[in-house]
Amino acid sequence: MARLCVNMLVLLKRIFDFLLALISLIFIIPLLLAIAIWIKLDSPGPVFFRQTRVGQFGREFRIYKFRTMVPDAEALGKQITAANDDRITRSGKFLRKYKLDELPQLFNVVKGDMSLVGPRPEVPKYVALYTAEQRRVLQVRPGITDMASIEFRNESELLANVPHPEEVYIQEIMPQKLDLNMQYIAQAGLRFDLQIVFQTLWRVLLC
């Protein structure tokens, strides 16, 4: 019976994610087109940025974002991005500030790679550093936003003020994020997901 209830909750969450993501995409099509045109006019390169991330049960998938950096930025520097990174384009600074670069991940939600709310998916390089306990976050579908996204909404600014941003991220920020992710897993539910969605939108509006 308990397993049946869990399966029902997972199904309800998936239906909620799919419908809300699909409806959102329909309503924001004009905004997506405007952002795409701005990116093309602002700098050469593709509109979208695709990157391999680790999803539920350790399966890798390609995450979608609007491109906010110069082409081949990963080949020019670290995967961690600080606010003062000179690889960030002019349009990219605005998109990052208001989290608009994350909007294409609604397609990931429709596809089933991601959820609206869940632990943010990391790149394989950093997941390889997880402890056995921390890998528990891979039991659930990753999300566009989570408790850690709210707590560390100014992460790029924090990393801009340290001499070794990647070390600080791995040794200090990432463990705190994973702790918050495990707290989320312990109390996850549709009501809690809605609270996180509204908190995220409120924080973005306050930027």
N, C-alpha and C. Protein backbone atom coordinates (compact mmCIF):
# COMPACT_ATOMS: atom_id res chain seq x y z
N MET A 1 0.82 -1.21 0.00
CA MET A 1 0.00 0.00 0.00
C MET A 1 0.86 1.26 0.00
N ALA A 2 1.90 1.26 0.84
CA ALA A 2 2.79 2.42 0.91
C ALA A 2 3.46 2.68 -0.43
N ARG A 3 3.91 1.58 -1.08
CA ARG A 3 4.56 1.73 -2.39
C ARG A 3 3.59 2.27 -3.42
N LEU A 4 2.32 1.84 -3.34
CA LEU A 4 1.30 2.32 -4.27
C LEU A 4 1.08 3.82 -4.10
N CYS A 5 1.07 4.27 -2.84
CA CYS A 5 0.90 5.70 -2.57
C CYS A 5 2.06 6.51 -3.13
N VAL A 6 3.27 5.99 -2.96
CA VAL A 6 4.45 6.68 -3.47
C VAL A 6 4.38 6.78 -4.99
N ASN A 7 4.00 5.68 -5.64
CA ASN A 7 3.89 5.68 -7.10
C ASN A 7 2.83 6.67 -7.58
N MET A 8 1.73 6.78 -6.84
CA MET A 8 0.68 7.72 -7.20
C MET A 8 1.16 9.16 -7.07
N LEU A 9 1.92 9.43 -6.02
CA LEU A 9 2.46 10.77 -5.82
C LEU A 9 3.44 11.14 -6.93
N VAL A 10 4.26 10.18 -7.34
CA VAL A 10 5.21 10.40 -8.43
C VAL A 10 4.46 10.69 -9.73
N LEU A 11 3.39 9.94 -9.98
CA LEU A 11 2.58 10.14 -11.18
C LEU A 11 1.91 11.51 -11.17
N LEU A 12 1.35 11.89 -10.02
CA LEU A 12 0.70 13.19 -9.91
C LEU A 12 1.69 14.33 -10.13
N LYS A 13 2.88 14.18 -9.59
CA LYS A 13 3.92 15.19 -9.78
C LYS A 13 4.30 15.31 -11.25
N ARG A 14 4.40 14.17 -11.93
CA ARG A 14 4.75 14.18 -13.36
C ARG A 14 3.66 14.85 -14.18
N ILE A 15 2.39 14.56 -13.88
CA ILE A 15 1.28 15.19 -14.59
C ILE A 15 1.27 16.70 -14.35
N PHE A 16 1.50 17.08 -13.09
CA PHE A 16 1.57 18.50 -12.72
C PHE A 16 2.69 19.20 -13.48
N ASP A 17 3.86 18.60 -13.49
CA ASP A 17 5.02 19.18 -14.18
C ASP A 17 4.74 19.34 -15.67
N PHE A 18 4.23 18.27 -16.29
CA PHE A 18 4.01 18.28 -17.73
C PHE A 18 3.01 19.36 -18.13
N LEU A 19 1.87 19.41 -17.44
CA LEU A 19 0.83 20.36 -17.81
C LEU A 19 1.26 21.79 -17.58
N LEU A 20 1.88 22.06 -16.42
CA LEU A 20 2.29 23.42 -16.12
C LEU A 20 3.41 23.90 -17.05
N ALA A 21 4.34 23.00 -17.37
CA ALA A 21 5.43 23.36 -18.28
C ALA A 21 4.90 23.62 -19.69
N LEU A 22 3.99 22.77 -20.15
CA LEU A 22 3.44 22.92 -21.49
C LEU A 22 2.62 24.20 -21.61
N ILE A 23 1.78 24.47 -20.63
CA ILE A 23 0.97 25.69 -20.64
C ILE A 23 1.87 26.93 -20.59
N SER A 24 2.91 26.85 -19.76
CA SER A 24 3.85 27.98 -19.64
C SER A 24 4.54 28.26 -20.97
N LEU A 25 4.97 27.19 -21.65
CA LEU A 25 5.65 27.36 -22.94
C LEU A 25 4.73 28.03 -23.96
N ILE A 26 3.47 27.65 -23.96
CA ILE A 26 2.52 28.23 -24.91
C ILE A 26 2.38 29.73 -24.67
N PHE A 27 2.30 30.12 -23.41
CA PHE A 27 2.09 31.52 -23.07
C PHE A 27 3.32 32.39 -23.30
N ILE A 28 4.52 31.79 -23.17
CA ILE A 28 5.73 32.62 -23.25
C ILE A 28 6.44 32.51 -24.61
N ILE A 29 5.78 31.93 -25.60
CA ILE A 29 6.39 31.83 -26.94
C ILE A 29 6.91 33.19 -27.45
N PRO A 30 6.11 34.27 -27.33
CA PRO A 30 6.64 35.58 -27.80
C PRO A 30 7.91 35.99 -27.05
N LEU A 31 7.97 35.73 -25.75
CA LEU A 31 9.16 36.08 -24.97
C LEU A 31 10.35 35.24 -25.42
N LEU A 32 10.14 33.95 -25.65
CA LEU A 32 11.23 33.08 -26.11
C LEU A 32 11.77 33.55 -27.45
N LEU A 33 10.88 33.94 -28.36
CA LEU A 33 11.32 34.43 -29.67
C LEU A 33 12.10 35.73 -29.56
N ALA A 34 11.64 36.62 -28.67
CA ALA A 34 12.32 37.90 -28.48
C ALA A 34 13.73 37.69 -27.93
N ILE A 35 13.85 36.78 -26.97
CA ILE A 35 15.16 36.49 -26.39
C ILE A 35 16.08 35.87 -27.43
N ALA A 36 15.54 34.96 -28.23
CA ALA A 36 16.34 34.30 -29.28
C ALA A 36 16.89 35.33 -30.27
N ILE A 37 16.04 36.27 -30.68
CA ILE A 37 16.48 37.31 -31.63
C ILE A 37 17.56 38.19 -30.99
N TRP A 38 17.38 38.54 -29.72
CA TRP A 38 18.36 39.37 -29.01
C TRP A 38 19.72 38.69 -28.94
N ILE A 39 19.71 37.40 -28.62
CA ILE A 39 20.96 36.65 -28.52
C ILE A 39 21.69 36.63 -29.87
N LYS A 40 20.94 36.40 -30.96
CA LYS A 40 21.55 36.35 -32.29
C LYS A 40 22.13 37.71 -32.70
N LEU A 41 21.43 38.79 -32.32
CA LEU A 41 21.90 40.12 -32.68
C LEU A 41 23.08 40.56 -31.81
N ASP A 42 23.13 40.03 -30.60
CA ASP A 42 24.14 40.47 -29.64
C ASP A 42 25.51 39.86 -29.88
N SER A 43 25.55 38.58 -30.28
CA SER A 43 26.85 37.92 -30.47
C SER A 43 26.70 36.74 -31.42
N PRO A 44 27.76 36.38 -32.12
CA PRO A 44 27.70 35.23 -33.03
C PRO A 44 27.58 33.93 -32.23
N GLY A 45 26.95 32.93 -32.85
CA GLY A 45 26.82 31.65 -32.19
C GLY A 45 25.37 31.20 -32.11
N PRO A 46 25.14 30.01 -31.59
CA PRO A 46 23.78 29.47 -31.50
C PRO A 46 22.94 30.18 -30.45
N VAL A 47 21.64 30.04 -30.54
CA VAL A 47 20.73 30.62 -29.55
C VAL A 47 20.75 29.82 -28.26
N PHE A 48 20.80 28.50 -28.41
CA PHE A 48 20.71 27.64 -27.23
C PHE A 48 22.08 27.07 -26.83
N PHE A 49 22.20 26.83 -25.55
CA PHE A 49 23.37 26.17 -24.99
C PHE A 49 22.91 24.82 -24.47
N ARG A 50 23.57 23.75 -24.88
CA ARG A 50 23.22 22.40 -24.44
C ARG A 50 24.42 21.80 -23.71
N GLN A 51 24.14 21.18 -22.59
CA GLN A 51 25.21 20.63 -21.77
C GLN A 51 24.77 19.32 -21.15
N THR A 52 25.70 18.39 -21.00
CA THR A 52 25.39 17.11 -20.38
C THR A 52 25.28 17.27 -18.87
N ARG A 53 24.18 16.81 -18.31
CA ARG A 53 23.97 16.82 -16.86
C ARG A 53 23.58 15.41 -16.42
N VAL A 54 23.68 15.18 -15.13
CA VAL A 54 23.32 13.88 -14.57
C VAL A 54 21.93 13.98 -13.95
N GLY A 55 21.03 13.11 -14.42
CA GLY A 55 19.65 13.13 -13.96
C GLY A 55 19.32 12.01 -13.00
N GLN A 56 18.05 11.68 -12.95
CA GLN A 56 17.56 10.65 -12.02
C GLN A 56 18.23 9.31 -12.29
N PHE A 57 18.62 8.65 -11.21
CA PHE A 57 19.28 7.34 -11.24
C PHE A 57 20.63 7.39 -11.97
N GLY A 58 21.21 8.59 -12.08
CA GLY A 58 22.52 8.72 -12.68
C GLY A 58 22.52 8.76 -14.19
N ARG A 59 21.33 8.84 -14.80
CA ARG A 59 21.26 8.88 -16.27
C ARG A 59 21.62 10.27 -16.76
N GLU A 60 22.44 10.33 -17.78
CA GLU A 60 22.84 11.61 -18.34
C GLU A 60 21.83 12.09 -19.38
N PHE A 61 21.66 13.41 -19.44
CA PHE A 61 20.77 14.00 -20.44
C PHE A 61 21.34 15.37 -20.83
N ARG A 62 20.76 15.94 -21.86
CA ARG A 62 21.21 17.24 -22.35
C ARG A 62 20.26 18.32 -21.85
N ILE A 63 20.80 19.25 -21.06
CA ILE A 63 19.97 20.33 -20.54
C ILE A 63 19.99 21.49 -21.53
N TYR A 64 18.86 22.22 -21.62
CA TYR A 64 18.74 23.34 -22.54
C TYR A 64 18.75 24.65 -21.77
N LYS A 65 19.49 25.60 -22.29
CA LYS A 65 19.49 26.96 -21.76
C LYS A 65 19.65 27.93 -22.92
N PHE A 66 19.26 29.18 -22.70
CA PHE A 66 19.63 30.19 -23.68
C PHE A 66 21.12 30.46 -23.51
N ARG A 67 21.82 30.63 -24.62
CA ARG A 67 23.26 30.88 -24.54
C ARG A 67 23.52 32.26 -23.94
N THR A 68 24.36 32.30 -22.91
CA THR A 68 24.69 33.56 -22.26
C THR A 68 26.19 33.85 -22.32
N MET A 69 26.94 32.97 -22.99
CA MET A 69 28.39 33.14 -23.07
C MET A 69 28.84 33.04 -24.53
N VAL A 70 30.09 33.36 -24.75
CA VAL A 70 30.63 33.27 -26.10
C VAL A 70 30.64 31.81 -26.55
N PRO A 71 30.63 31.53 -27.86
CA PRO A 71 30.67 30.14 -28.33
C PRO A 71 31.90 29.41 -27.78
N ASP A 72 31.72 28.12 -27.50
CA ASP A 72 32.81 27.26 -26.99
C ASP A 72 33.39 27.80 -25.69
N ALA A 73 32.55 28.40 -24.86
CA ALA A 73 33.02 28.99 -23.60
C ALA A 73 33.67 27.94 -22.68
N GLU A 74 33.15 26.71 -22.70
CA GLU A 74 33.70 25.68 -21.82
C GLU A 74 35.14 25.34 -22.18
N ALA A 75 35.48 25.52 -23.45
CA ALA A 75 36.86 25.24 -23.87
C ALA A 75 37.80 26.38 -23.49
N LEU A 76 37.21 27.52 -23.12
CA LEU A 76 38.02 28.70 -22.81
C LEU A 76 38.20 28.92 -21.31
N GLY A 77 37.52 28.12 -20.49
CA GLY A 77 37.61 28.31 -19.05
C GLY A 77 36.94 27.19 -18.29
N LYS A 78 36.70 27.42 -17.00
CA LYS A 78 36.12 26.41 -16.12
C LYS A 78 34.62 26.30 -16.33
N GLN A 79 34.03 25.20 -15.82
CA GLN A 79 32.59 25.02 -15.93
C GLN A 79 31.84 25.88 -14.90
N ILE A 80 32.55 26.34 -13.88
CA ILE A 80 31.97 27.26 -12.92
C ILE A 80 32.05 28.67 -13.50
N THR A 81 30.96 29.44 -13.36
CA THR A 81 30.93 30.78 -13.92
C THR A 81 30.69 31.81 -12.82
N ALA A 82 31.61 32.74 -12.66
CA ALA A 82 31.46 33.84 -11.72
C ALA A 82 30.84 35.04 -12.42
N ALA A 83 30.33 35.99 -11.64
CA ALA A 83 29.62 37.13 -12.21
C ALA A 83 30.52 37.99 -13.09
N ASN A 84 31.81 38.01 -12.79
CA ASN A 84 32.73 38.85 -13.55
C ASN A 84 33.42 38.11 -14.69
N ASP A 85 32.91 36.95 -15.06
CA ASP A 85 33.50 36.14 -16.12
C ASP A 85 33.40 36.87 -17.45
N ASP A 86 34.54 37.09 -18.11
CA ASP A 86 34.52 37.84 -19.36
C ASP A 86 33.98 37.05 -20.54
N ARG A 87 33.61 35.77 -20.31
CA ARG A 87 32.99 34.98 -21.37
C ARG A 87 31.50 35.28 -21.51
N ILE A 88 30.93 35.95 -20.52
CA ILE A 88 29.50 36.25 -20.53
C ILE A 88 29.23 37.39 -21.51
N THR A 89 28.22 37.23 -22.35
CA THR A 89 27.86 38.26 -23.33
C THR A 89 27.03 39.36 -22.66
N ARG A 90 26.79 40.44 -23.41
CA ARG A 90 25.99 41.54 -22.87
C ARG A 90 24.55 41.08 -22.58
N SER A 91 23.96 40.37 -23.53
CA SER A 91 22.61 39.87 -23.30
C SER A 91 22.62 38.82 -22.19
N GLY A 92 23.71 38.07 -22.13
CA GLY A 92 23.83 37.01 -21.13
C GLY A 92 23.78 37.53 -19.70
N LYS A 93 24.35 38.70 -19.47
CA LYS A 93 24.33 39.28 -18.12
C LYS A 93 22.90 39.55 -17.67
N PHE A 94 22.09 40.08 -18.58
CA PHE A 94 20.70 40.35 -18.24
C PHE A 94 19.92 39.06 -18.05
N LEU A 95 20.10 38.12 -18.96
CA LEU A 95 19.37 36.85 -18.89
C LEU A 95 19.71 36.10 -17.61
N ARG A 96 20.98 36.11 -17.22
CA ARG A 96 21.39 35.44 -15.99
C ARG A 96 20.82 36.13 -14.75
N LYS A 97 20.81 37.45 -14.75
CA LYS A 97 20.32 38.19 -13.60
C LYS A 97 18.88 37.83 -13.27
N TYR A 98 18.04 37.73 -14.32
CA TYR A 98 16.63 37.44 -14.12
C TYR A 98 16.27 35.98 -14.40
N LYS A 99 17.29 35.12 -14.48
CA LYS A 99 17.11 33.68 -14.65
C LYS A 99 16.35 33.32 -15.93
N LEU A 100 16.33 34.23 -16.90
CA LEU A 100 15.61 33.96 -18.15
C LEU A 100 16.32 32.93 -19.00
N ASP A 101 17.62 32.73 -18.76
CA ASP A 101 18.36 31.72 -19.53
C ASP A 101 17.89 30.31 -19.21
N GLU A 102 17.17 30.17 -18.07
CA GLU A 102 16.69 28.85 -17.65
C GLU A 102 15.38 28.44 -18.32
N LEU A 103 14.70 29.37 -18.96
CA LEU A 103 13.37 29.08 -19.52
C LEU A 103 13.32 27.89 -20.48
N PRO A 104 14.33 27.67 -21.34
CA PRO A 104 14.28 26.50 -22.23
C PRO A 104 14.22 25.16 -21.50
N GLN A 105 14.53 25.16 -20.21
CA GLN A 105 14.46 23.90 -19.47
C GLN A 105 13.02 23.42 -19.31
N LEU A 106 12.06 24.28 -19.63
CA LEU A 106 10.68 23.82 -19.66
C LEU A 106 10.51 22.71 -20.70
N PHE A 107 11.33 22.75 -21.77
CA PHE A 107 11.31 21.66 -22.76
C PHE A 107 11.83 20.37 -22.12
N ASN A 108 12.85 20.49 -21.26
CA ASN A 108 13.35 19.31 -20.54
C ASN A 108 12.27 18.72 -19.64
N VAL A 109 11.44 19.60 -19.06
CA VAL A 109 10.36 19.12 -18.19
C VAL A 109 9.32 18.38 -19.02
N VAL A 110 8.94 18.94 -20.16
CA VAL A 110 7.95 18.29 -21.03
C VAL A 110 8.47 16.93 -21.49
N LYS A 111 9.77 16.86 -21.81
CA LYS A 111 10.37 15.59 -22.25
C LYS A 111 10.44 14.56 -21.14
N GLY A 112 10.48 15.02 -19.90
CA GLY A 112 10.57 14.09 -18.78
C GLY A 112 11.96 13.98 -18.18
N ASP A 113 12.92 14.75 -18.72
CA ASP A 113 14.28 14.74 -18.16
C ASP A 113 14.32 15.42 -16.79
N MET A 114 13.46 16.44 -16.64
CA MET A 114 13.48 17.25 -15.43
C MET A 114 12.08 17.47 -14.89
N SER A 115 12.05 17.99 -13.66
CA SER A 115 10.82 18.40 -13.02
C SER A 115 10.87 19.90 -12.84
N LEU A 116 9.76 20.52 -12.52
CA LEU A 116 9.79 21.95 -12.22
C LEU A 116 10.59 22.21 -10.95
N VAL A 117 10.39 21.35 -9.96
CA VAL A 117 11.09 21.48 -8.69
C VAL A 117 11.82 20.18 -8.37
N GLY A 118 13.08 20.31 -8.01
CA GLY A 118 13.89 19.14 -7.68
C GLY A 118 15.34 19.56 -7.62
N PRO A 119 16.21 18.73 -7.12
CA PRO A 119 17.64 19.07 -7.04
C PRO A 119 18.19 19.49 -8.40
N ARG A 120 18.89 20.61 -8.44
CA ARG A 120 19.47 21.05 -9.70
C ARG A 120 20.47 20.02 -10.20
N PRO A 121 20.39 19.65 -11.49
CA PRO A 121 21.31 18.63 -12.02
C PRO A 121 22.71 19.18 -12.21
N GLU A 122 23.69 18.40 -11.82
CA GLU A 122 25.09 18.80 -11.95
C GLU A 122 25.72 18.15 -13.18
N VAL A 123 26.89 18.66 -13.54
CA VAL A 123 27.67 18.05 -14.61
C VAL A 123 28.34 16.79 -14.06
N PRO A 124 28.65 15.81 -14.92
CA PRO A 124 29.26 14.56 -14.45
C PRO A 124 30.53 14.77 -13.63
N LYS A 125 31.31 15.80 -13.97
CA LYS A 125 32.56 16.07 -13.26
C LYS A 125 32.35 16.25 -11.78
N TYR A 126 31.29 16.96 -11.40
CA TYR A 126 31.04 17.23 -9.99
C TYR A 126 30.26 16.10 -9.32
N VAL A 127 29.39 15.44 -10.06
CA VAL A 127 28.67 14.29 -9.50
C VAL A 127 29.64 13.19 -9.10
N ALA A 128 30.74 13.07 -9.83
CA ALA A 128 31.76 12.06 -9.52
C ALA A 128 32.37 12.28 -8.13
N LEU A 129 32.21 13.49 -7.59
CA LEU A 129 32.77 13.82 -6.28
C LEU A 129 31.78 13.57 -5.13
N TYR A 130 30.54 13.21 -5.46
CA TYR A 130 29.53 12.97 -4.43
C TYR A 130 29.92 11.79 -3.55
N THR A 131 29.57 11.88 -2.28
CA THR A 131 29.69 10.73 -1.39
C THR A 131 28.50 9.81 -1.64
N ALA A 132 28.55 8.61 -1.04
CA ALA A 132 27.43 7.68 -1.19
C ALA A 132 26.14 8.29 -0.65
N GLU A 133 26.24 9.02 0.44
CA GLU A 133 25.07 9.66 1.03
C GLU A 133 24.54 10.77 0.12
N GLN A 134 25.43 11.55 -0.45
CA GLN A 134 25.01 12.65 -1.32
C GLN A 134 24.38 12.16 -2.61
N ARG A 135 24.72 10.97 -3.03
CA ARG A 135 24.14 10.42 -4.27
C ARG A 135 22.66 10.09 -4.11
N ARG A 136 22.14 10.22 -2.92
CA ARG A 136 20.70 10.03 -2.71
C ARG A 136 19.89 11.04 -3.50
N VAL A 137 20.48 12.19 -3.80
CA VAL A 137 19.74 13.21 -4.56
C VAL A 137 19.42 12.73 -5.97
N LEU A 138 20.13 11.71 -6.42
CA LEU A 138 19.89 11.18 -7.77
C LEU A 138 18.69 10.24 -7.81
N GLN A 139 18.06 10.01 -6.67
CA GLN A 139 16.89 9.14 -6.63
C GLN A 139 15.65 9.82 -7.20
N VAL A 140 15.69 11.16 -7.27
CA VAL A 140 14.52 11.89 -7.77
C VAL A 140 14.88 12.63 -9.05
N ARG A 141 13.85 13.01 -9.80
CA ARG A 141 14.07 13.74 -11.04
C ARG A 141 14.59 15.15 -10.71
N PRO A 142 15.64 15.61 -11.38
CA PRO A 142 16.17 16.95 -11.11
C PRO A 142 15.19 18.03 -11.54
N GLY A 143 15.38 19.24 -11.03
CA GLY A 143 14.42 20.30 -11.30
C GLY A 143 15.03 21.59 -11.82
N ILE A 144 14.14 22.49 -12.26
CA ILE A 144 14.57 23.81 -12.70
C ILE A 144 14.95 24.67 -11.50
N THR A 145 14.21 24.50 -10.40
CA THR A 145 14.51 25.25 -9.19
C THR A 145 14.39 24.34 -7.98
N ASP A 146 15.00 24.77 -6.90
CA ASP A 146 14.96 24.01 -5.64
C ASP A 146 15.32 24.93 -4.50
N MET A 147 15.39 24.38 -3.30
CA MET A 147 15.74 25.18 -2.13
C MET A 147 17.13 25.79 -2.27
N ALA A 148 18.05 25.03 -2.86
CA ALA A 148 19.42 25.52 -3.03
C ALA A 148 19.47 26.68 -4.03
N SER A 149 18.63 26.65 -5.05
CA SER A 149 18.59 27.74 -6.02
C SER A 149 18.17 29.04 -5.37
N ILE A 150 17.26 28.95 -4.40
CA ILE A 150 16.80 30.13 -3.69
C ILE A 150 17.88 30.62 -2.72
N GLU A 151 18.46 29.68 -1.98
CA GLU A 151 19.48 30.03 -0.99
C GLU A 151 20.72 30.62 -1.65
N PHE A 152 21.11 30.05 -2.79
CA PHE A 152 22.33 30.49 -3.47
C PHE A 152 22.01 31.21 -4.78
N ARG A 153 20.99 32.04 -4.75
CA ARG A 153 20.57 32.76 -5.96
C ARG A 153 21.65 33.73 -6.45
N ASN A 154 22.52 34.16 -5.54
CA ASN A 154 23.61 35.06 -5.91
C ASN A 154 24.96 34.34 -5.95
N GLU A 155 24.91 33.08 -6.32
CA GLU A 155 26.12 32.26 -6.32
C GLU A 155 27.23 32.84 -7.20
N SER A 156 26.87 33.32 -8.37
CA SER A 156 27.90 33.84 -9.28
C SER A 156 28.60 35.06 -8.69
N GLU A 157 27.85 35.89 -7.93
CA GLU A 157 28.45 37.04 -7.28
C GLU A 157 29.39 36.59 -6.16
N LEU A 158 28.98 35.55 -5.43
CA LEU A 158 29.83 35.02 -4.36
C LEU A 158 31.15 34.50 -4.93
N LEU A 159 31.07 33.78 -6.03
CA LEU A 159 32.27 33.19 -6.63
C LEU A 159 33.16 34.24 -7.28
N ALA A 160 32.57 35.39 -7.62
CA ALA A 160 33.37 36.46 -8.24
C ALA A 160 34.33 37.11 -7.25
N ASN A 161 34.06 36.90 -5.96
CA ASN A 161 34.86 37.57 -4.93
C ASN A 161 35.88 36.67 -4.24
N VAL A 162 36.13 35.50 -4.83
CA VAL A 162 37.11 34.59 -4.25
C VAL A 162 38.19 34.28 -5.29
N PRO A 163 39.43 34.01 -4.84
CA PRO A 163 40.52 33.78 -5.80
C PRO A 163 40.42 32.46 -6.56
N HIS A 164 39.82 31.44 -5.93
CA HIS A 164 39.72 30.12 -6.57
C HIS A 164 38.26 29.66 -6.54
N PRO A 165 37.43 30.17 -7.45
CA PRO A 165 35.99 29.89 -7.41
C PRO A 165 35.62 28.42 -7.50
N GLU A 166 36.31 27.65 -8.31
CA GLU A 166 35.94 26.24 -8.44
C GLU A 166 36.20 25.48 -7.14
N GLU A 167 37.30 25.76 -6.49
CA GLU A 167 37.59 25.11 -5.21
C GLU A 167 36.55 25.48 -4.16
N VAL A 168 36.19 26.74 -4.11
CA VAL A 168 35.17 27.19 -3.16
C VAL A 168 33.84 26.50 -3.44
N TYR A 169 33.51 26.38 -4.72
CA TYR A 169 32.25 25.73 -5.09
C TYR A 169 32.24 24.27 -4.62
N ILE A 170 33.29 23.54 -4.92
CA ILE A 170 33.36 22.12 -4.60
C ILE A 170 33.42 21.87 -3.10
N GLN A 171 34.21 22.65 -2.40
CA GLN A 171 34.46 22.38 -0.99
C GLN A 171 33.44 23.02 -0.05
N GLU A 172 32.80 24.12 -0.48
CA GLU A 172 31.90 24.83 0.43
C GLU A 172 30.45 24.89 -0.06
N ILE A 173 30.27 25.37 -1.29
CA ILE A 173 28.90 25.59 -1.76
C ILE A 173 28.20 24.30 -2.13
N MET A 174 28.84 23.44 -2.89
CA MET A 174 28.19 22.20 -3.32
C MET A 174 27.71 21.33 -2.16
N PRO A 175 28.50 21.12 -1.09
CA PRO A 175 27.99 20.33 0.03
C PRO A 175 26.75 20.95 0.68
N GLN A 176 26.71 22.28 0.78
CA GLN A 176 25.54 22.93 1.35
C GLN A 176 24.32 22.76 0.45
N LYS A 177 24.52 22.84 -0.85
CA LYS A 177 23.43 22.62 -1.78
C LYS A 177 22.87 21.20 -1.65
N LEU A 178 23.76 20.23 -1.55
CA LEU A 178 23.33 18.84 -1.45
C LEU A 178 22.58 18.59 -0.15
N ASP A 179 22.99 19.25 0.93
CA ASP A 179 22.26 19.13 2.19
C ASP A 179 20.83 19.66 2.03
N LEU A 180 20.69 20.79 1.36
CA LEU A 180 19.36 21.35 1.11
C LEU A 180 18.54 20.43 0.20
N ASN A 181 19.20 19.81 -0.77
CA ASN A 181 18.50 18.89 -1.66
C ASN A 181 17.95 17.69 -0.90
N MET A 182 18.73 17.19 0.04
CA MET A 182 18.26 16.03 0.82
C MET A 182 17.13 16.43 1.77
N GLN A 183 17.15 17.68 2.24
CA GLN A 183 16.03 18.17 3.04
C GLN A 183 14.77 18.24 2.20
N TYR A 184 14.93 18.66 0.94
CA TYR A 184 13.78 18.71 0.04
C TYR A 184 13.19 17.32 -0.18
N ILE A 185 14.04 16.35 -0.44
CA ILE A 185 13.57 14.98 -0.68
C ILE A 185 12.77 14.46 0.50
N ALA A 186 13.18 14.84 1.70
CA ALA A 186 12.51 14.34 2.91
C ALA A 186 11.10 14.90 3.08
N GLN A 187 10.80 16.04 2.43
CA GLN A 187 9.48 16.65 2.61
C GLN A 187 8.81 17.02 1.29
N ALA A 188 9.27 16.41 0.20
CA ALA A 188 8.74 16.75 -1.13
C ALA A 188 7.25 16.43 -1.24
N GLY A 189 6.55 17.26 -1.96
CA GLY A 189 5.13 17.09 -2.22
C GLY A 189 4.66 18.24 -3.09
N LEU A 190 3.47 18.15 -3.67
CA LEU A 190 2.99 19.17 -4.58
C LEU A 190 2.85 20.53 -3.89
N ARG A 191 2.37 20.53 -2.66
CA ARG A 191 2.22 21.79 -1.94
C ARG A 191 3.57 22.45 -1.70
N PHE A 192 4.55 21.64 -1.30
CA PHE A 192 5.90 22.17 -1.06
C PHE A 192 6.53 22.64 -2.37
N ASP A 193 6.28 21.91 -3.46
CA ASP A 193 6.78 22.31 -4.78
C ASP A 193 6.23 23.68 -5.17
N LEU A 194 4.95 23.91 -4.93
CA LEU A 194 4.34 25.19 -5.27
C LEU A 194 4.95 26.31 -4.44
N GLN A 195 5.24 26.03 -3.18
CA GLN A 195 5.88 27.03 -2.32
C GLN A 195 7.24 27.43 -2.89
N ILE A 196 8.00 26.44 -3.34
CA ILE A 196 9.32 26.72 -3.89
C ILE A 196 9.22 27.49 -5.20
N VAL A 197 8.25 27.14 -6.04
CA VAL A 197 8.04 27.87 -7.30
C VAL A 197 7.74 29.34 -7.03
N PHE A 198 6.81 29.61 -6.09
CA PHE A 198 6.46 30.99 -5.78
C PHE A 198 7.61 31.74 -5.12
N GLN A 199 8.36 31.07 -4.26
CA GLN A 199 9.53 31.70 -3.65
C GLN A 199 10.57 32.06 -4.70
N THR A 200 10.74 31.17 -5.67
CA THR A 200 11.71 31.42 -6.74
C THR A 200 11.30 32.63 -7.57
N LEU A 201 10.03 32.69 -7.96
CA LEU A 201 9.53 33.82 -8.74
C LEU A 201 9.66 35.13 -7.97
N TRP A 202 9.38 35.07 -6.67
CA TRP A 202 9.48 36.26 -5.84
C TRP A 202 10.92 36.76 -5.75
N ARG A 203 11.86 35.82 -5.57
CA ARG A 203 13.27 36.19 -5.49
C ARG A 203 13.76 36.80 -6.80
N VAL A 204 13.28 36.25 -7.92
CA VAL A 204 13.70 36.78 -9.24
C VAL A 204 13.19 38.20 -9.40
N LEU A 205 11.96 38.45 -8.99
CA LEU A 205 11.37 39.78 -9.12
C LEU A 205 12.07 40.80 -8.24
N LEU A 206 12.67 40.32 -7.15
CA LEU A 206 13.38 41.21 -6.23
C LEU A 206 14.77 41.57 -6.71
N CYS A 207 15.27 40.90 -7.77
CA CYS A 207 16.63 41.15 -8.25
C CYS A 207 16.81 42.60 -8.68
